[in-house]
Protein backbone atom coordinates (compact mmCIF):
# COMPACT_ATOMS: atom_id res chain seq x y z
CA MET A 1 0.00 0.00 0.00
CA PRO A 2 1.50 3.38 -1.01
CA ASN A 3 2.59 5.84 1.67
CA LEU A 4 -0.10 8.54 1.50
CA SER A 5 2.14 11.29 2.85
CA PHE A 6 4.73 10.46 0.17
CA VAL A 7 2.03 10.71 -2.53
CA GLU A 8 0.79 14.02 -1.14
CA ASP A 9 4.33 15.42 -1.08
CA ALA A 10 4.89 14.27 -4.66
CA VAL A 11 1.78 15.95 -6.04
CA ALA A 12 2.01 19.10 -3.89
CA PRO A 13 4.07 21.11 -6.42
CA ALA A 14 1.61 20.27 -9.22
CA ARG A 15 -1.29 21.25 -6.99
CA THR A 16 0.31 24.61 -6.18
CA ARG A 17 1.07 25.28 -9.85
CA LEU A 18 -2.51 24.51 -10.84
CA ALA A 19 -3.93 26.62 -8.00
CA THR A 20 -1.67 29.55 -8.93
CA ALA A 21 -2.60 29.28 -12.61
CA LEU A 22 -6.33 29.14 -11.84
CA ARG A 23 -6.14 32.11 -9.53
CA GLY A 24 -4.11 34.08 -12.04
CA ARG A 25 -6.75 33.50 -14.73
CA VAL A 26 -9.71 34.29 -12.51
CA ALA A 27 -8.33 36.98 -10.20
CA GLY A 28 -5.41 38.46 -12.14
CA GLU A 29 -1.68 38.75 -11.57
CA ASP A 30 -2.22 40.96 -8.51
CA ALA A 31 -4.45 38.33 -6.88
CA PRO A 32 -2.33 38.02 -3.71
CA GLU A 33 -2.51 41.76 -3.05
CA ARG A 34 -6.26 41.83 -3.69
CA ALA A 35 -6.77 38.78 -1.50
CA ALA A 36 -4.92 40.48 1.34
CA VAL A 37 -7.39 43.36 1.20
CA ILE A 38 -10.54 41.26 0.76
CA TRP A 39 -9.74 38.54 3.27
CA GLY A 40 -7.36 40.28 5.64
CA THR A 41 -8.93 43.68 6.33
CA PRO A 42 -10.68 43.66 9.72
CA GLY A 43 -14.13 45.17 10.03
CA PRO A 44 -17.85 44.37 9.81
CA ARG A 45 -19.02 42.32 6.85
CA TRP A 46 -22.42 41.62 5.35
CA PHE A 47 -21.76 37.89 5.52
CA THR A 48 -19.78 35.32 7.53
CA PRO A 49 -18.36 31.86 6.76
CA GLN A 50 -21.56 30.36 8.20
CA ASP A 51 -23.76 32.09 5.61
CA GLU A 52 -25.03 30.28 2.53
CA ILE A 53 -23.74 32.93 0.13
CA TRP A 54 -20.23 32.44 1.53
CA ARG A 55 -20.49 28.66 1.04
CA VAL A 56 -21.71 28.95 -2.54
CA HIS A 57 -19.40 31.73 -3.72
CA ALA A 58 -16.31 30.15 -2.14
CA ASP A 59 -16.82 26.81 -3.89
CA ALA A 60 -15.27 25.57 -7.12
CA ALA A 61 -18.74 25.05 -8.60
CA MET A 62 -18.63 28.80 -9.34
CA PHE A 63 -16.32 28.04 -12.28
CA ALA A 64 -19.09 26.13 -14.08
CA GLY A 65 -21.67 28.55 -12.68
CA GLY A 66 -19.96 31.51 -14.30
CA ILE A 67 -20.03 29.86 -17.73
CA ARG A 68 -23.72 28.98 -17.34
CA ALA A 69 -24.55 32.51 -16.20
CA LEU A 70 -22.83 34.09 -19.22
CA LEU A 71 -24.68 31.79 -21.62
CA LEU A 72 -28.04 32.51 -19.98
CA GLN A 73 -27.45 36.26 -19.74
CA SER A 74 -26.64 36.44 -23.46
CA LEU A 75 -30.22 35.48 -24.32
CA HIS A 76 -31.52 38.94 -23.45
CA PRO A 77 -30.86 40.96 -26.63
CA LEU A 78 -30.31 44.26 -24.82
CA ALA A 79 -27.99 42.75 -22.22
CA MET A 80 -26.08 41.00 -25.01
CA ALA A 81 -25.82 44.22 -27.00
CA GLY A 82 -24.23 45.91 -24.00
CA VAL A 83 -21.75 43.06 -23.57
CA ALA A 84 -20.86 42.98 -27.27
CA GLY A 85 -20.51 46.75 -27.48
CA HIS A 86 -18.69 47.56 -24.27
CA SER A 87 -17.25 44.59 -22.37
CA GLY A 88 -14.43 43.58 -24.72
CA TYR A 89 -15.24 39.95 -24.04
CA ARG A 90 -13.37 38.86 -27.17
CA SER A 91 -10.38 41.17 -26.96
CA ASP A 92 -9.99 40.94 -23.16
CA PRO A 93 -11.99 37.95 -21.89
CA TRP A 94 -9.81 37.33 -18.85
CA GLY A 95 -9.92 40.99 -17.86
CA ARG A 96 -13.70 40.86 -17.86
CA LEU A 97 -13.67 37.65 -15.82
CA GLN A 98 -11.23 39.14 -13.33
CA ARG A 99 -13.36 42.25 -12.84
CA THR A 100 -16.43 40.11 -12.22
CA SER A 101 -14.50 37.85 -9.86
CA TYR A 102 -13.23 40.86 -7.92
CA TYR A 103 -16.75 42.25 -7.59
CA LEU A 104 -18.16 38.95 -6.32
CA ALA A 105 -15.30 38.38 -3.88
CA SER A 106 -15.39 41.92 -2.55
CA THR A 107 -19.15 41.98 -1.98
CA THR A 108 -19.29 38.47 -0.50
CA PHE A 109 -16.15 38.24 1.62
CA GLY A 110 -14.92 41.80 2.03
CA THR A 111 -15.77 44.42 4.62
CA ILE A 112 -18.93 46.47 4.15
CA GLU A 113 -16.82 49.54 3.47
CA HIS A 114 -14.89 47.74 0.75
CA ALA A 115 -18.03 46.18 -0.75
CA GLU A 116 -19.83 49.51 -0.95
CA ALA A 117 -16.81 51.15 -2.59
CA VAL A 118 -16.70 48.43 -5.25
CA ILE A 119 -20.46 48.71 -5.86
CA ASP A 120 -20.16 52.50 -6.25
CA ARG A 121 -17.41 51.96 -8.83
CA VAL A 122 -19.54 49.50 -10.80
CA ARG A 123 -22.54 51.82 -10.71
CA SER A 124 -20.37 54.62 -12.10
CA ILE A 125 -19.22 52.38 -14.95
CA HIS A 126 -22.82 51.35 -15.68
CA GLN A 127 -23.79 54.99 -16.13
CA ARG A 128 -21.46 55.21 -19.13
CA VAL A 129 -22.56 51.97 -20.81
CA ARG A 130 -25.39 52.75 -23.18
CA GLY A 131 -26.21 52.42 -26.86
CA ARG A 132 -28.57 50.76 -29.31
CA ALA A 133 -29.05 47.08 -30.00
CA PRO A 134 -28.98 45.80 -33.61
CA ASP A 135 -32.79 45.96 -33.64
CA GLY A 136 -32.66 49.69 -32.84
CA ARG A 137 -33.81 49.54 -29.24
CA PRO A 138 -31.81 51.64 -26.76
CA TYR A 139 -30.13 50.00 -23.80
CA ALA A 140 -28.36 51.22 -20.67
CA ALA A 141 -26.42 49.07 -18.22
CA SER A 142 -27.93 51.09 -15.38
CA ASP A 143 -31.49 50.08 -16.40
CA PRO A 144 -32.92 48.29 -13.34
CA HIS A 145 -34.75 45.84 -15.61
CA LEU A 146 -31.50 44.71 -17.29
CA LEU A 147 -29.63 44.70 -13.97
CA ALA A 148 -32.33 42.42 -12.59
CA TRP A 149 -31.96 39.99 -15.50
CA VAL A 150 -28.19 39.78 -15.05
CA HIS A 151 -28.71 39.14 -11.34
CA LEU A 152 -31.37 36.46 -11.88
CA ALA A 153 -29.18 34.59 -14.36
CA GLU A 154 -26.24 34.68 -11.96
CA VAL A 155 -28.13 33.59 -8.85
CA ASP A 156 -29.91 30.81 -10.73
CA SER A 157 -26.64 29.60 -12.27
CA PHE A 158 -24.51 29.78 -9.14
CA LEU A 159 -27.14 27.91 -7.15
CA ALA A 160 -27.78 25.32 -9.89
CA THR A 161 -24.10 24.44 -10.23
CA TYR A 162 -23.55 24.36 -6.48
CA GLN A 163 -26.49 22.00 -6.04
CA ALA A 164 -25.18 19.73 -8.80
CA TYR A 165 -21.42 19.92 -8.22
CA GLY A 166 -20.94 21.31 -4.73
CA PRO A 167 -19.76 19.22 -1.78
CA ARG A 168 -23.18 19.19 -0.09
CA PRO A 169 -26.41 20.54 -1.64
CA LEU A 170 -28.29 23.27 0.21
CA SER A 171 -31.65 22.45 1.75
CA ASP A 172 -34.72 24.31 0.50
CA THR A 173 -34.50 26.65 3.50
CA ASP A 174 -30.80 27.30 2.94
CA SER A 175 -31.44 27.91 -0.76
CA ASP A 176 -34.00 30.56 0.16
CA ARG A 177 -31.41 32.17 2.43
CA TYR A 178 -28.85 32.19 -0.38
CA VAL A 179 -31.27 33.99 -2.70
CA ALA A 180 -32.15 36.48 0.06
CA GLN A 181 -28.50 37.15 0.88
CA SER A 182 -27.71 37.76 -2.79
CA ALA A 183 -30.48 40.37 -2.79
CA VAL A 184 -28.59 42.39 -0.16
CA VAL A 185 -25.81 43.13 -2.63
CA VAL A 186 -27.79 43.86 -5.79
CA SER A 187 -30.21 46.12 -3.95
CA GLN A 188 -27.20 48.39 -3.43
CA LEU A 189 -26.33 48.10 -7.12
CA GLY A 190 -29.74 49.25 -8.33
CA VAL A 191 -31.99 46.19 -8.68
CA LEU A 192 -35.36 47.36 -7.40
CA ASP A 193 -37.08 44.18 -6.26
CA PRO A 194 -34.67 41.23 -6.28
CA PRO A 195 -36.04 37.80 -5.35
CA ARG A 196 -35.65 36.69 -1.77
CA SER A 197 -36.67 33.05 -2.12
CA ILE A 198 -36.46 30.23 -4.64
CA ALA A 199 -40.15 30.69 -5.47
CA GLU A 200 -39.62 34.38 -6.24
CA LEU A 201 -36.49 33.57 -8.26
CA ARG A 202 -38.40 31.11 -10.45
CA GLU A 203 -41.32 33.51 -10.85
CA GLN A 204 -39.09 36.37 -11.97
CA LEU A 205 -37.10 34.17 -14.33
CA SER A 206 -40.34 33.01 -15.96
CA ALA A 207 -41.47 36.62 -16.39
CA TYR A 208 -38.40 37.33 -18.55
CA ARG A 209 -38.92 34.35 -20.84
CA PRO A 210 -40.85 36.27 -23.57
CA GLU A 211 -37.91 38.71 -23.87
CA LEU A 212 -35.25 36.06 -24.37
CA ILE A 213 -34.03 34.94 -27.77
CA GLY A 214 -30.91 33.47 -29.29
CA THR A 215 -29.66 36.37 -31.41
CA GLU A 216 -26.66 35.96 -33.68
CA ALA A 217 -24.60 37.86 -31.09
CA ALA A 218 -25.69 35.42 -28.37
CA ARG A 219 -24.83 32.41 -30.53
CA GLU A 220 -21.47 33.92 -31.40
CA ALA A 221 -20.77 34.42 -27.69
CA ALA A 222 -21.72 30.79 -27.04
CA ARG A 223 -19.35 29.61 -29.78
CA PHE A 224 -16.58 31.69 -28.25
CA LEU A 225 -17.19 30.35 -24.75
CA LEU A 226 -17.67 26.71 -25.71
CA ARG A 227 -15.62 26.13 -28.86
CA GLU A 228 -12.98 28.86 -29.00
CA PRO A 229 -11.95 29.55 -25.39
CA PRO A 230 -8.84 31.77 -25.20
CA LEU A 231 -6.71 29.07 -23.58
CA PRO A 232 -3.57 27.14 -24.48
CA VAL A 233 -4.32 23.73 -26.00
CA ALA A 234 -3.09 21.93 -22.87
CA GLN A 235 -5.63 23.73 -20.67
CA ARG A 236 -8.65 23.22 -22.89
CA PRO A 237 -9.63 19.69 -21.74
CA GLY A 238 -10.09 20.89 -18.16
CA TYR A 239 -12.11 23.87 -19.32
CA ALA A 240 -14.19 21.55 -21.54
CA LEU A 241 -15.23 19.55 -18.47
CA LEU A 242 -16.50 22.70 -16.74
CA ALA A 243 -18.21 23.95 -19.90
CA ALA A 244 -19.96 20.61 -20.42
CA GLY A 245 -21.19 20.74 -16.84
CA ALA A 246 -22.49 24.27 -17.37
CA VAL A 247 -24.35 23.43 -20.58
CA ALA A 248 -25.92 20.33 -19.01
CA LEU A 249 -27.64 22.52 -16.40
CA LEU A 250 -29.09 25.02 -18.87
CA PRO A 251 -32.83 24.73 -19.55
CA ALA A 252 -33.53 22.86 -22.78
CA TRP A 253 -35.12 25.95 -24.33
CA ALA A 254 -31.96 27.98 -23.60
CA ARG A 255 -29.73 25.40 -25.31
CA ALA A 256 -32.05 25.46 -28.32
CA GLU A 257 -32.00 29.28 -28.51
CA LEU A 258 -28.21 29.24 -28.46
CA GLY A 259 -28.08 26.74 -31.31
CA LEU A 260 -26.60 24.00 -29.14
CA PRO A 261 -27.43 20.39 -30.03
CA PRO A 262 -30.21 18.57 -28.15
CA MET A 263 -29.03 16.80 -25.03
CA PRO A 264 -30.92 13.55 -24.40
CA LEU A 265 -30.66 11.98 -20.97
CA PRO A 266 -27.51 9.86 -21.60
CA ALA A 267 -25.65 12.88 -22.97
CA ARG A 268 -26.84 15.05 -20.10
CA LEU A 269 -25.71 12.49 -17.54
CA ALA A 270 -22.29 12.30 -19.19
CA ALA A 271 -22.02 16.10 -19.23
CA THR A 272 -22.96 16.41 -15.56
CA ALA A 273 -20.37 13.74 -14.74
CA ALA A 274 -17.82 15.83 -16.64
CA GLY A 275 -18.86 18.93 -14.72
CA ARG A 276 -18.53 17.07 -11.43
CA LEU A 277 -15.06 15.84 -12.37
CA GLY A 278 -13.86 19.25 -13.55
CA THR A 279 -15.21 20.97 -10.46
CA GLY A 280 -13.62 18.35 -8.23
CA VAL A 281 -10.20 18.97 -9.74
CA VAL A 282 -10.59 22.73 -9.30
CA ARG A 283 -11.76 22.26 -5.70
CA TRP A 284 -8.75 20.08 -4.95
CA ALA A 285 -6.39 22.66 -6.45
CA MET A 286 -7.97 25.65 -4.72
CA ALA A 287 -7.64 23.87 -1.35
CA ASP A 288 -3.87 24.28 -1.71
CA PRO A 289 -2.55 25.19 1.76
CA ALA A 290 -1.03 28.47 0.60
CA LEU A 291 -4.36 29.77 -0.70
CA ALA A 292 -6.27 28.40 2.26
CA ALA A 293 -3.99 30.35 4.60
CA GLU A 294 -5.03 33.59 2.91
CA ARG A 295 -8.70 32.84 3.50
CA ARG A 296 -8.12 31.86 7.13
CA SER A 297 -6.70 35.31 7.78
CA VAL A 298 -10.12 36.95 7.44
CA SER A 299 -11.47 38.65 10.56
CA PRO A 300 -15.28 39.05 10.21
CA SER A 301 -16.44 41.14 13.13
């Protein structure tokens, strides 16, 4: 029987390299400095490690959840027009991901002062993002209706992937708490009546359904995310596992709107297994002791 400590020592360098690479992609080259501010600054916070939003947003399932959220968000033509016209998702995809990651980490794990400063910065940026969609309709990133759609797609996606790929699914009561805690943040951002329970989340998602359509811009974004990810060839198989897991959890109508092939039950089961595997590898890497030490330094008070 192999010596487990010897095996752990042998794979430790690979684990650290993978963890560092993942964090660099998601959080940027200055991730350690940002982490020191988010996790290490003492002061009151909106949430604690015992809260559901902390559990969900700290888990590796967020990697698949982010892909699912982007695909779902793209189905609103006005939201997609804003992304295509202003986000630089093709020219600077990792920069966009890092800004989103920083926002989520700051508002979930940071002090209230830090979270509010980040929200104010995002609101200021939203004021400058406006234009017209290809169909001629005007859009503005500060529009509460569009902000609400982006929020709904994120909450639904983060919860769906956590329930499928997380270490322990939330109960119905805990899921309601997660939705309610997410509402605390977006209320500050400008969403007027965010859902505060699973029932309200489903009701509001259904209300948007008549507005959602797979435009050419949405399908192009899906092709970019799923078939042309800006990654070295060696890193694409791991990303493909996460992407498969994300697509498997999309509603069937959303896959159809995006021009994705039908996913009968055997294919869906295989894709969810891929998502579980990919998430498990990310979770193992992100539990690297060096990164865990940063998170343990937080002082919620």
